[in-house]
Amino acid sequence: MIRYAYTIRLEPGGLDEYVAKHGEIWPEMVAELKACGIQVLTAFHHEGTLYYYTEAADPDSWQRLWQGEVQARWANEFTSLIAFREDGTLDTNELTEVWRLETGA
């Protein structure tokens, strides 16, 4: 299992609609995530930035998802809610894991 974390910056005022759309995630999107080996997706929010924590079956899981047609359609639903950089790329950053503790509790 691979742990991966990243940020996505939202456009001002976009959080409520972003959350609402994810509350109605398409069954085909869930199936695509599963087929690509993505097991866990968790999003946190703070001051206009989403912090995602994910767990995937292997290092290529996300690459398989991003290359798919279902993900492309899903991402298109969010273009007005997510911030983009001046060069047109998504305003996102990978996060580096620096510490983890599993207590076995």
PDB file of N, CA and C in Angstrom:
ATOM      1  N   MET A   1       0.831  -1.166   0.000  1.00  0.00           N
ATOM      2  CA  MET A   1       0.000   0.000   0.000  1.00  0.00           C
ATOM      3  C   MET A   1       0.887   1.245   0.000  1.00  0.00           C
ATOM      4  N   ILE A   2       0.508   2.215  -0.820  1.00  0.00           N
ATOM      5  CA  ILE A   2       1.242   3.468  -0.955  1.00  0.00           C
ATOM      6  C   ILE A   2       0.409   4.587  -0.354  1.00  0.00           C
ATOM      7  N   ARG A   3       1.021   5.390   0.515  1.00  0.00           N
ATOM      8  CA  ARG A   3       0.350   6.579   1.052  1.00  0.00           C
ATOM      9  C   ARG A   3       0.805   7.776   0.234  1.00  0.00           C
ATOM     10  N   TYR A   4      -0.128   8.639  -0.087  1.00  0.00           N
ATOM     11  CA  TYR A   4       0.173   9.811  -0.905  1.00  0.00           C
ATOM     12  C   TYR A   4      -0.674  10.958  -0.399  1.00  0.00           C
ATOM     13  N   ALA A   5      -0.097  12.151  -0.317  1.00  0.00           N
ATOM     14  CA  ALA A   5      -0.847  13.322   0.136  1.00  0.00           C
ATOM     15  C   ALA A   5      -0.519  14.505  -0.763  1.00  0.00           C
ATOM     16  N   TYR A   6      -1.499  15.367  -0.940  1.00  0.00           N
ATOM     17  CA  TYR A   6      -1.326  16.529  -1.799  1.00  0.00           C
ATOM     18  C   TYR A   6      -2.327  17.610  -1.407  1.00  0.00           C
ATOM     19  N   THR A   7      -2.081  18.816  -1.892  1.00  0.00           N
ATOM     20  CA  THR A   7      -2.992  19.932  -1.664  1.00  0.00           C
ATOM     21  C   THR A   7      -3.630  20.357  -2.973  1.00  0.00           C
ATOM     22  N   ILE A   8      -4.797  20.948  -2.864  1.00  0.00           N
ATOM     23  CA  ILE A   8      -5.465  21.609  -3.985  1.00  0.00           C
ATOM     24  C   ILE A   8      -6.016  22.920  -3.447  1.00  0.00           C
ATOM     25  N   ARG A   9      -5.716  24.014  -4.122  1.00  0.00           N
ATOM     26  CA  ARG A   9      -6.247  25.299  -3.696  1.00  0.00           C
ATOM     27  C   ARG A   9      -7.575  25.542  -4.403  1.00  0.00           C
ATOM     28  N   LEU A  10      -8.563  25.977  -3.635  1.00  0.00           N
ATOM     29  CA  LEU A  10      -9.890  26.262  -4.170  1.00  0.00           C
ATOM     30  C   LEU A  10     -10.020  27.731  -4.529  1.00  0.00           C
ATOM     31  N   GLU A  11     -10.917  28.006  -5.449  1.00  0.00           N
ATOM     32  CA  GLU A  11     -11.304  29.387  -5.715  1.00  0.00           C
ATOM     33  C   GLU A  11     -12.102  29.876  -4.513  1.00  0.00           C
ATOM     34  N   PRO A  12     -12.033  31.167  -4.203  1.00  0.00           N
ATOM     35  CA  PRO A  12     -12.825  31.695  -3.086  1.00  0.00           C
ATOM     36  C   PRO A  12     -14.314  31.369  -3.249  1.00  0.00           C
ATOM     37  N   GLY A  13     -14.917  30.887  -2.185  1.00  0.00           N
ATOM     38  CA  GLY A  13     -16.337  30.547  -2.203  1.00  0.00           C
ATOM     39  C   GLY A  13     -16.670  29.207  -2.824  1.00  0.00           C
ATOM     40  N   GLY A  14     -15.663  28.419  -3.203  1.00  0.00           N
ATOM     41  CA  GLY A  14     -15.920  27.161  -3.897  1.00  0.00           C
ATOM     42  C   GLY A  14     -16.115  25.942  -3.013  1.00  0.00           C
ATOM     43  N   LEU A  15     -15.867  26.080  -1.721  1.00  0.00           N
ATOM     44  CA  LEU A  15     -15.879  24.905  -0.849  1.00  0.00           C
ATOM     45  C   LEU A  15     -17.230  24.218  -0.782  1.00  0.00           C
ATOM     46  N   ASP A  16     -18.299  24.962  -0.561  1.00  0.00           N
ATOM     47  CA  ASP A  16     -19.609  24.325  -0.384  1.00  0.00           C
ATOM     48  C   ASP A  16     -20.004  23.502  -1.602  1.00  0.00           C
ATOM     49  N   GLU A  17     -19.818  24.042  -2.790  1.00  0.00           N
ATOM     50  CA  GLU A  17     -20.174  23.293  -4.002  1.00  0.00           C
ATOM     51  C   GLU A  17     -19.227  22.101  -4.196  1.00  0.00           C
ATOM     52  N   TYR A  18     -17.955  22.283  -3.887  1.00  0.00           N
ATOM     53  CA  TYR A  18     -16.986  21.190  -3.988  1.00  0.00           C
ATOM     54  C   TYR A  18     -17.417  20.019  -3.103  1.00  0.00           C
ATOM     55  N   VAL A  19     -17.782  20.331  -1.862  1.00  0.00           N
ATOM     56  CA  VAL A  19     -18.217  19.295  -0.919  1.00  0.00           C
ATOM     57  C   VAL A  19     -19.520  18.657  -1.391  1.00  0.00           C
ATOM     58  N   ALA A  20     -20.457  19.469  -1.876  1.00  0.00           N
ATOM     59  CA  ALA A  20     -21.741  18.945  -2.348  1.00  0.00           C
ATOM     60  C   ALA A  20     -21.547  17.975  -3.512  1.00  0.00           C
ATOM     61  N   LYS A  21     -20.703  18.335  -4.460  1.00  0.00           N
ATOM     62  CA  LYS A  21     -20.455  17.454  -5.612  1.00  0.00           C
ATOM     63  C   LYS A  21     -19.835  16.126  -5.160  1.00  0.00           C
ATOM     64  N   HIS A  22     -18.923  16.196  -4.199  1.00  0.00           N
ATOM     65  CA  HIS A  22     -18.315  14.962  -3.713  1.00  0.00           C
ATOM     66  C   HIS A  22     -19.315  14.128  -2.910  1.00  0.00           C
ATOM     67  N   GLY A  23     -20.291  14.760  -2.312  1.00  0.00           N
ATOM     68  CA  GLY A  23     -21.348  14.035  -1.617  1.00  0.00           C
ATOM     69  C   GLY A  23     -22.237  13.243  -2.557  1.00  0.00           C
ATOM     70  N   GLU A  24     -22.163  13.592  -3.832  1.00  0.00           N
ATOM     71  CA  GLU A  24     -22.941  12.893  -4.866  1.00  0.00           C
ATOM     72  C   GLU A  24     -22.007  12.282  -5.907  1.00  0.00           C
ATOM     73  N   ILE A  25     -20.881  11.732  -5.431  1.00  0.00           N
ATOM     74  CA  ILE A  25     -19.894  11.166  -6.348  1.00  0.00           C
ATOM     75  C   ILE A  25     -20.540  10.111  -7.231  1.00  0.00           C
ATOM     76  N   TRP A  26     -20.190  10.136  -8.498  1.00  0.00           N
ATOM     77  CA  TRP A  26     -20.756   9.197  -9.464  1.00  0.00           C
ATOM     78  C   TRP A  26     -20.343   7.763  -9.116  1.00  0.00           C
ATOM     79  N   PRO A  27     -21.267   6.823  -9.203  1.00  0.00           N
ATOM     80  CA  PRO A  27     -20.894   5.419  -8.990  1.00  0.00           C
ATOM     81  C   PRO A  27     -19.786   4.970  -9.937  1.00  0.00           C
ATOM     82  N   GLU A  28     -19.787   5.476 -11.169  1.00  0.00           N
ATOM     83  CA  GLU A  28     -18.745   5.087 -12.118  1.00  0.00           C
ATOM     84  C   GLU A  28     -17.377   5.653 -11.710  1.00  0.00           C
ATOM     85  N   MET A  29     -17.376   6.787 -11.007  1.00  0.00           N
ATOM     86  CA  MET A  29     -16.115   7.344 -10.516  1.00  0.00           C
ATOM     87  C   MET A  29     -15.575   6.486  -9.373  1.00  0.00           C
ATOM     88  N   VAL A  30     -16.459   6.060  -8.493  1.00  0.00           N
ATOM     89  CA  VAL A  30     -16.050   5.162  -7.409  1.00  0.00           C
ATOM     90  C   VAL A  30     -15.499   3.862  -7.988  1.00  0.00           C
ATOM     91  N   ALA A  31     -16.172   3.322  -8.997  1.00  0.00           N
ATOM     92  CA  ALA A  31     -15.715   2.087  -9.637  1.00  0.00           C
ATOM     93  C   ALA A  31     -14.345   2.284 -10.286  1.00  0.00           C
ATOM     94  N   GLU A  32     -14.136   3.444 -10.900  1.00  0.00           N
ATOM     95  CA  GLU A  32     -12.846   3.734 -11.534  1.00  0.00           C
ATOM     96  C   GLU A  32     -11.729   3.849 -10.498  1.00  0.00           C
ATOM     97  N   LEU A  33     -12.012   4.517  -9.387  1.00  0.00           N
ATOM     98  CA  LEU A  33     -11.027   4.611  -8.301  1.00  0.00           C
ATOM     99  C   LEU A  33     -10.634   3.213  -7.826  1.00  0.00           C
ATOM    100  N   LYS A  34     -11.643   2.384  -7.615  1.00  0.00           N
ATOM    101  CA  LYS A  34     -11.398   1.017  -7.148  1.00  0.00           C
ATOM    102  C   LYS A  34     -10.593   0.229  -8.181  1.00  0.00           C
ATOM    103  N   ALA A  35     -10.970   0.339  -9.447  1.00  0.00           N
ATOM    104  CA  ALA A  35     -10.276  -0.393 -10.507  1.00  0.00           C
ATOM    105  C   ALA A  35      -8.812   0.027 -10.627  1.00  0.00           C
ATOM    106  N   CYS A  36      -8.521   1.281 -10.311  1.00  0.00           N
ATOM    107  CA  CYS A  36      -7.148   1.786 -10.387  1.00  0.00           C
ATOM    108  C   CYS A  36      -6.344   1.464  -9.126  1.00  0.00           C
ATOM    109  N   GLY A  37      -6.999   0.921  -8.106  1.00  0.00           N
ATOM    110  CA  GLY A  37      -6.300   0.529  -6.895  1.00  0.00           C
ATOM    111  C   GLY A  37      -6.264   1.590  -5.817  1.00  0.00           C
ATOM    112  N   ILE A  38      -7.077   2.635  -5.961  1.00  0.00           N
ATOM    113  CA  ILE A  38      -7.122   3.687  -4.952  1.00  0.00           C
ATOM    114  C   ILE A  38      -8.128   3.277  -3.895  1.00  0.00           C
ATOM    115  N   GLN A  39      -7.625   3.042  -2.682  1.00  0.00           N
ATOM    116  CA  GLN A  39      -8.417   2.434  -1.629  1.00  0.00           C
ATOM    117  C   GLN A  39      -9.021   3.442  -0.672  1.00  0.00           C
ATOM    118  N   VAL A  40      -8.328   4.544  -0.405  1.00  0.00           N
ATOM    119  CA  VAL A  40      -8.776   5.542   0.574  1.00  0.00           C
ATOM    120  C   VAL A  40      -8.520   6.929   0.016  1.00  0.00           C
ATOM    121  N   LEU A  41      -9.510   7.787   0.150  1.00  0.00           N
ATOM    122  CA  LEU A  41      -9.375   9.216  -0.172  1.00  0.00           C
ATOM    123  C   LEU A  41      -9.977   9.983   0.994  1.00  0.00           C
ATOM    124  N   THR A  42      -9.203  10.867   1.584  1.00  0.00           N
ATOM    125  CA  THR A  42      -9.692  11.703   2.668  1.00  0.00           C
ATOM    126  C   THR A  42      -9.281  13.128   2.373  1.00  0.00           C
ATOM    127  N   ALA A  43     -10.243  14.059   2.464  1.00  0.00           N
ATOM    128  CA  ALA A  43      -9.935  15.473   2.225  1.00  0.00           C
ATOM    129  C   ALA A  43     -10.186  16.271   3.494  1.00  0.00           C
ATOM    130  N   PHE A  44      -9.268  17.173   3.773  1.00  0.00           N
ATOM    131  CA  PHE A  44      -9.398  18.119   4.875  1.00  0.00           C
ATOM    132  C   PHE A  44      -9.340  19.515   4.273  1.00  0.00           C
ATOM    133  N   HIS A  45      -9.909  20.498   4.957  1.00  0.00           N
ATOM    134  CA  HIS A  45      -9.913  21.859   4.451  1.00  0.00           C
ATOM    135  C   HIS A  45      -9.405  22.832   5.503  1.00  0.00           C
ATOM    136  N   HIS A  46      -8.645  23.812   5.031  1.00  0.00           N
ATOM    137  CA  HIS A  46      -8.213  24.910   5.895  1.00  0.00           C
ATOM    138  C   HIS A  46      -7.926  26.128   5.015  1.00  0.00           C
ATOM    139  N   GLU A  47      -8.656  27.201   5.268  1.00  0.00           N
ATOM    140  CA  GLU A  47      -8.430  28.491   4.628  1.00  0.00           C
ATOM    141  C   GLU A  47      -8.218  28.405   3.119  1.00  0.00           C
ATOM    142  N   GLY A  48      -9.147  27.761   2.427  1.00  0.00           N
ATOM    143  CA  GLY A  48      -9.110  27.730   0.967  1.00  0.00           C
ATOM    144  C   GLY A  48      -8.241  26.656   0.354  1.00  0.00           C
ATOM    145  N   THR A  49      -7.621  25.845   1.179  1.00  0.00           N
ATOM    146  CA  THR A  49      -6.785  24.767   0.663  1.00  0.00           C
ATOM    147  C   THR A  49      -7.330  23.427   1.135  1.00  0.00           C
ATOM    148  N   LEU A  50      -7.422  22.492   0.205  1.00  0.00           N
ATOM    149  CA  LEU A  50      -7.791  21.111   0.518  1.00  0.00           C
ATOM    150  C   LEU A  50      -6.503  20.321   0.717  1.00  0.00           C
ATOM    151  N   TYR A  51      -6.501  19.491   1.729  1.00  0.00           N
ATOM    152  CA  TYR A  51      -5.374  18.598   2.006  1.00  0.00           C
ATOM    153  C   TYR A  51      -5.902  17.180   1.844  1.00  0.00           C
ATOM    154  N   TYR A  52      -5.380  16.473   0.855  1.00  0.00           N
ATOM    155  CA  TYR A  52      -5.835  15.117   0.578  1.00  0.00           C
ATOM    156  C   TYR A  52      -4.826  14.101   1.095  1.00  0.00           C
ATOM    157  N   TYR A  53      -5.352  13.062   1.735  1.00  0.00           N
ATOM    158  CA  TYR A  53      -4.573  11.896   2.121  1.00  0.00           C
ATOM    159  C   TYR A  53      -5.170  10.708   1.387  1.00  0.00           C
ATOM    160  N   THR A  54      -4.330   9.914   0.749  1.00  0.00           N
ATOM    161  CA  THR A  54      -4.824   8.774  -0.012  1.00  0.00           C
ATOM    162  C   THR A  54      -3.985   7.537   0.270  1.00  0.00           C
ATOM    163  N   GLU A  55      -4.594   6.395   0.025  1.00  0.00           N
ATOM    164  CA  GLU A  55      -3.890   5.120   0.070  1.00  0.00           C
ATOM    165  C   GLU A  55      -4.217   4.386  -1.217  1.00  0.00           C
ATOM    166  N   ALA A  56      -3.176   3.863  -1.841  1.00  0.00           N
ATOM    167  CA  ALA A  56      -3.356   3.191  -3.131  1.00  0.00           C
ATOM    168  C   ALA A  56      -2.593   1.879  -3.141  1.00  0.00           C
ATOM    169  N   ALA A  57      -3.005   1.005  -4.032  1.00  0.00           N
ATOM    170  CA  ALA A  57      -2.420  -0.331  -4.108  1.00  0.00           C
ATOM    171  C   ALA A  57      -0.964  -0.310  -4.546  1.00  0.00           C
ATOM    172  N   ASP A  58      -0.606   0.599  -5.454  1.00  0.00           N
ATOM    173  CA  ASP A  58       0.752   0.626  -5.981  1.00  0.00           C
ATOM    174  C   ASP A  58       1.083   2.038  -6.465  1.00  0.00           C
ATOM    175  N   PRO A  59       2.352   2.306  -6.751  1.00  0.00           N
ATOM    176  CA  PRO A  59       2.759   3.659  -7.134  1.00  0.00           C
ATOM    177  C   PRO A  59       2.118   4.175  -8.427  1.00  0.00           C
ATOM    178  N   ASP A  60       1.632   3.290  -9.274  1.00  0.00           N
ATOM    179  CA  ASP A  60       1.052   3.706 -10.554  1.00  0.00           C
ATOM    180  C   ASP A  60      -0.464   3.898 -10.510  1.00  0.00           C
ATOM    181  N   SER A  61      -1.073   3.681  -9.358  1.00  0.00           N
ATOM    182  CA  SER A  61      -2.533   3.785  -9.247  1.00  0.00           C
ATOM    183  C   SER A  61      -3.050   5.143  -9.714  1.00  0.00           C
ATOM    184  N   TRP A  62      -2.422   6.206  -9.221  1.00  0.00           N
ATOM    185  CA  TRP A  62      -2.895   7.552  -9.580  1.00  0.00           C
ATOM    186  C   TRP A  62      -2.686   7.839 -11.049  1.00  0.00           C
ATOM    187  N   GLN A  63      -1.568   7.388 -11.602  1.00  0.00           N
ATOM    188  CA  GLN A  63      -1.307   7.614 -13.026  1.00  0.00           C
ATOM    189  C   GLN A  63      -2.380   6.949 -13.879  1.00  0.00           C
ATOM    190  N   ARG A  64      -2.764   5.730 -13.508  1.00  0.00           N
ATOM    191  CA  ARG A  64      -3.827   5.043 -14.251  1.00  0.00           C
ATOM    192  C   ARG A  64      -5.129   5.836 -14.178  1.00  0.00           C
ATOM    193  N   LEU A  65      -5.450   6.358 -12.996  1.00  0.00           N
ATOM    194  CA  LEU A  65      -6.684   7.124 -12.847  1.00  0.00           C
ATOM    195  C   LEU A  65      -6.657   8.379 -13.710  1.00  0.00           C
ATOM    196  N   TRP A  66      -5.572   9.155 -13.629  1.00  0.00           N
ATOM    197  CA  TRP A  66      -5.497  10.427 -14.350  1.00  0.00           C
ATOM    198  C   TRP A  66      -5.547  10.244 -15.857  1.00  0.00           C
ATOM    199  N   GLN A  67      -5.201   9.076 -16.362  1.00  0.00           N
ATOM    200  CA  GLN A  67      -5.227   8.826 -17.800  1.00  0.00           C
ATOM    201  C   GLN A  67      -6.602   8.391 -18.300  1.00  0.00           C
ATOM    202  N   GLY A  68      -7.544   8.172 -17.375  1.00  0.00           N
ATOM    203  CA  GLY A  68      -8.843   7.632 -17.762  1.00  0.00           C
ATOM    204  C   GLY A  68      -9.876   8.686 -18.135  1.00  0.00           C
ATOM    205  N   GLU A  69     -10.839   8.266 -18.923  1.00  0.00           N
ATOM    206  CA  GLU A  69     -11.905   9.133 -19.401  1.00  0.00           C
ATOM    207  C   GLU A  69     -12.859   9.545 -18.287  1.00  0.00           C
ATOM    208  N   VAL A  70     -13.137   8.648 -17.350  1.00  0.00           N
ATOM    209  CA  VAL A  70     -14.060   8.966 -16.259  1.00  0.00           C
ATOM    210  C   VAL A  70     -13.470  10.082 -15.402  1.00  0.00           C
ATOM    211  N   GLN A  71     -12.186   9.982 -15.057  1.00  0.00           N
ATOM    212  CA  GLN A  71     -11.526  11.025 -14.274  1.00  0.00           C
ATOM    213  C   GLN A  71     -11.535  12.357 -15.019  1.00  0.00           C
ATOM    214  N   ALA A  72     -11.337  12.333 -16.321  1.00  0.00           N
ATOM    215  CA  ALA A  72     -11.339  13.575 -17.104  1.00  0.00           C
ATOM    216  C   ALA A  72     -12.703  14.261 -17.022  1.00  0.00           C
ATOM    217  N   ARG A  73     -13.761  13.491 -17.136  1.00  0.00           N
ATOM    218  CA  ARG A  73     -15.114  14.066 -17.023  1.00  0.00           C
ATOM    219  C   ARG A  73     -15.379  14.582 -15.612  1.00  0.00           C
ATOM    220  N   TRP A  74     -14.947  13.807 -14.606  1.00  0.00           N
ATOM    221  CA  TRP A  74     -15.141  14.211 -13.213  1.00  0.00           C
ATOM    222  C   TRP A  74     -14.389  15.516 -12.934  1.00  0.00           C
ATOM    223  N   ALA A  75     -13.148  15.599 -13.351  1.00  0.00           N
ATOM    224  CA  ALA A  75     -12.339  16.797 -13.136  1.00  0.00           C
ATOM    225  C   ALA A  75     -12.962  18.011 -13.815  1.00  0.00           C
ATOM    226  N   ASN A  76     -13.567  17.814 -14.957  1.00  0.00           N
ATOM    227  CA  ASN A  76     -14.209  18.903 -15.689  1.00  0.00           C
ATOM    228  C   ASN A  76     -15.336  19.544 -14.866  1.00  0.00           C
ATOM    229  N   GLU A  77     -15.959  18.765 -14.002  1.00  0.00           N
ATOM    230  CA  GLU A  77     -17.040  19.268 -13.150  1.00  0.00           C
ATOM    231  C   GLU A  77     -16.537  20.280 -12.117  1.00  0.00           C
ATOM    232  N   PHE A  78     -15.227  20.333 -11.898  1.00  0.00           N
ATOM    233  CA  PHE A  78     -14.663  21.135 -10.824  1.00  0.00           C
ATOM    234  C   PHE A  78     -13.817  22.316 -11.302  1.00  0.00           C
ATOM    235  N   THR A  79     -13.727  22.534 -12.594  1.00  0.00           N
ATOM    236  CA  THR A  79     -12.811  23.561 -13.104  1.00  0.00           C
ATOM    237  C   THR A  79     -13.150  24.965 -12.611  1.00  0.00           C
ATOM    238  N   SER A  80     -14.401  25.247 -12.318  1.00  0.00           N
ATOM    239  CA  SER A  80     -14.752  26.583 -11.822  1.00  0.00           C
ATOM    240  C   SER A  80     -14.525  26.711 -10.314  1.00  0.00           C
ATOM    241  N   LEU A  81     -14.280  25.611  -9.634  1.00  0.00           N
ATOM    242  CA  LEU A  81     -14.133  25.614  -8.180  1.00  0.00           C
ATOM    243  C   LEU A  81     -12.684  25.538  -7.722  1.00  0.00           C
ATOM    244  N   ILE A  82     -11.823  25.067  -8.596  1.00  0.00           N
ATOM    245  CA  ILE A  82     -10.428  24.818  -8.246  1.00  0.00           C
ATOM    246  C   ILE A  82      -9.549  25.900  -8.861  1.00  0.00           C
ATOM    247  N   ALA A  83      -8.560  26.340  -8.102  1.00  0.00           N
ATOM    248  CA  ALA A  83      -7.646  27.386  -8.579  1.00  0.00           C
ATOM    249  C   ALA A  83      -6.605  26.798  -9.531  1.00  0.00           C
ATOM    250  N   PHE A  84      -6.268  27.596 -10.521  1.00  0.00           N
ATOM    251  CA  PHE A  84      -5.222  27.248 -11.478  1.00  0.00           C
ATOM    252  C   PHE A  84      -4.121  28.304 -11.420  1.00  0.00           C
ATOM    253  N   ARG A  85      -2.913  27.884 -11.709  1.00  0.00           N
ATOM    254  CA  ARG A  85      -1.792  28.817 -11.758  1.00  0.00           C
ATOM    255  C   ARG A  85      -1.860  29.637 -13.046  1.00  0.00           C
ATOM    256  N   GLU A  86      -1.037  30.655 -13.129  1.00  0.00           N
ATOM    257  CA  GLU A  86      -1.024  31.509 -14.320  1.00  0.00           C
ATOM    258  C   GLU A  86      -0.715  30.736 -15.592  1.00  0.00           C
ATOM    259  N   ASP A  87       0.050  29.645 -15.488  1.00  0.00           N
ATOM    260  CA  ASP A  87       0.397  28.851 -16.676  1.00  0.00           C
ATOM    261  C   ASP A  87      -0.696  27.849 -17.048  1.00  0.00           C
ATOM    262  N   GLY A  88      -1.814  27.864 -16.311  1.00  0.00           N
ATOM    263  CA  GLY A  88      -2.937  26.981 -16.621  1.00  0.00           C
ATOM    264  C   GLY A  88      -2.906  25.637 -15.932  1.00  0.00           C
ATOM    265  N   THR A  89      -1.877  25.363 -15.153  1.00  0.00           N
ATOM    266  CA  THR A  89      -1.808  24.087 -14.435  1.00  0.00           C
ATOM    267  C   THR A  89      -2.554  24.196 -13.112  1.00  0.00           C
ATOM    268  N   LEU A  90      -3.022  23.072 -12.657  1.00  0.00           N
ATOM    269  CA  LEU A  90      -3.749  22.987 -11.394  1.00  0.00           C
ATOM    270  C   LEU A  90      -2.865  23.466 -10.249  1.00  0.00           C
ATOM    271  N   ASP A  91      -3.426  24.285  -9.363  1.00  0.00           N
ATOM    272  CA  ASP A  91      -2.664  24.767  -8.209  1.00  0.00           C
ATOM    273  C   ASP A  91      -2.686  23.687  -7.133  1.00  0.00           C
ATOM    274  N   THR A  92      -1.770  22.759  -7.257  1.00  0.00           N
ATOM    275  CA  THR A  92      -1.675  21.608  -6.371  1.00  0.00           C
ATOM    276  C   THR A  92      -0.219  21.361  -6.022  1.00  0.00           C
ATOM    277  N   ASN A  93       0.020  20.735  -4.899  1.00  0.00           N
ATOM    278  CA  ASN A  93       1.376  20.403  -4.473  1.00  0.00           C
ATOM    279  C   ASN A  93       1.354  19.059  -3.762  1.00  0.00           C
ATOM    280  N   GLU A  94       2.387  18.265  -4.005  1.00  0.00           N
ATOM    281  CA  GLU A  94       2.540  17.020  -3.260  1.00  0.00           C
ATOM    282  C   GLU A  94       3.033  17.345  -1.862  1.00  0.00           C
ATOM    283  N   LEU A  95       2.593  16.560  -0.902  1.00  0.00           N
ATOM    284  CA  LEU A  95       3.054  16.693   0.474  1.00  0.00           C
ATOM    285  C   LEU A  95       4.008  15.541   0.777  1.00  0.00           C
ATOM    286  N   THR A  96       5.021  15.804   1.540  1.00  0.00           N
ATOM    287  CA  THR A  96       6.010  14.796   1.909  1.00  0.00           C
ATOM    288  C   THR A  96       5.729  14.307   3.323  1.00  0.00           C
ATOM    289  N   GLU A  97       5.584  13.003   3.456  1.00  0.00           N
ATOM    290  CA  GLU A  97       5.373  12.434   4.785  1.00  0.00           C
ATOM    291  C   GLU A  97       6.662  12.558   5.585  1.00  0.00           C
ATOM    292  N   VAL A  98       6.541  13.104   6.789  1.00  0.00           N
ATOM    293  CA  VAL A  98       7.726  13.284   7.621  1.00  0.00           C
ATOM    294  C   VAL A  98       7.663  12.503   8.926  1.00  0.00           C
ATOM    295  N   TRP A  99       6.483  11.992   9.267  1.00  0.00           N
ATOM    296  CA  TRP A  99       6.358  11.231  10.510  1.00  0.00           C
ATOM    297  C   TRP A  99       5.076  10.439  10.477  1.00  0.00           C
ATOM    298  N   ARG A 100       5.113   9.247  11.024  1.00  0.00           N
ATOM    299  CA  ARG A 100       3.917   8.397  11.136  1.00  0.00           C
ATOM    300  C   ARG A 100       4.075   7.498  12.346  1.00  0.00           C
ATOM    301  N   LEU A 101       2.986   7.278  13.055  1.00  0.00           N
ATOM    302  CA  LEU A 101       2.974   6.382  14.204  1.00  0.00           C
ATOM    303  C   LEU A 101       1.757   5.495  14.093  1.00  0.00           C
ATOM    304  N   GLU A 102       1.947   4.207  14.182  1.00  0.00           N
ATOM    305  CA  GLU A 102       0.849   3.250  14.262  1.00  0.00           C
ATOM    306  C   GLU A 102       0.950   2.571  15.607  1.00  0.00           C
ATOM    307  N   THR A 103      -0.060   2.749  16.444  1.00  0.00           N
ATOM    308  CA  THR A 103      -0.009   2.178  17.792  1.00  0.00           C
ATOM    309  C   THR A 103      -0.534   0.770  17.864  1.00  0.00           C
ATOM    310  N   GLY A 104      -1.273   0.350  16.840  1.00  0.00           N
ATOM    311  CA  GLY A 104      -1.862  -0.980  16.873  1.00  0.00           C
ATOM    312  C   GLY A 104      -3.107  -1.070  17.761  1.00  0.00           C
ATOM    313  N   ALA A 105      -3.573   0.069  18.259  1.00  0.00           N
ATOM    314  CA  ALA A 105      -4.755   0.094  19.127  1.00  0.00           C
ATOM    315  C   ALA A 105      -6.009  -0.301  18.381  1.00  0.00           C
TER     316      ALA A 105
END
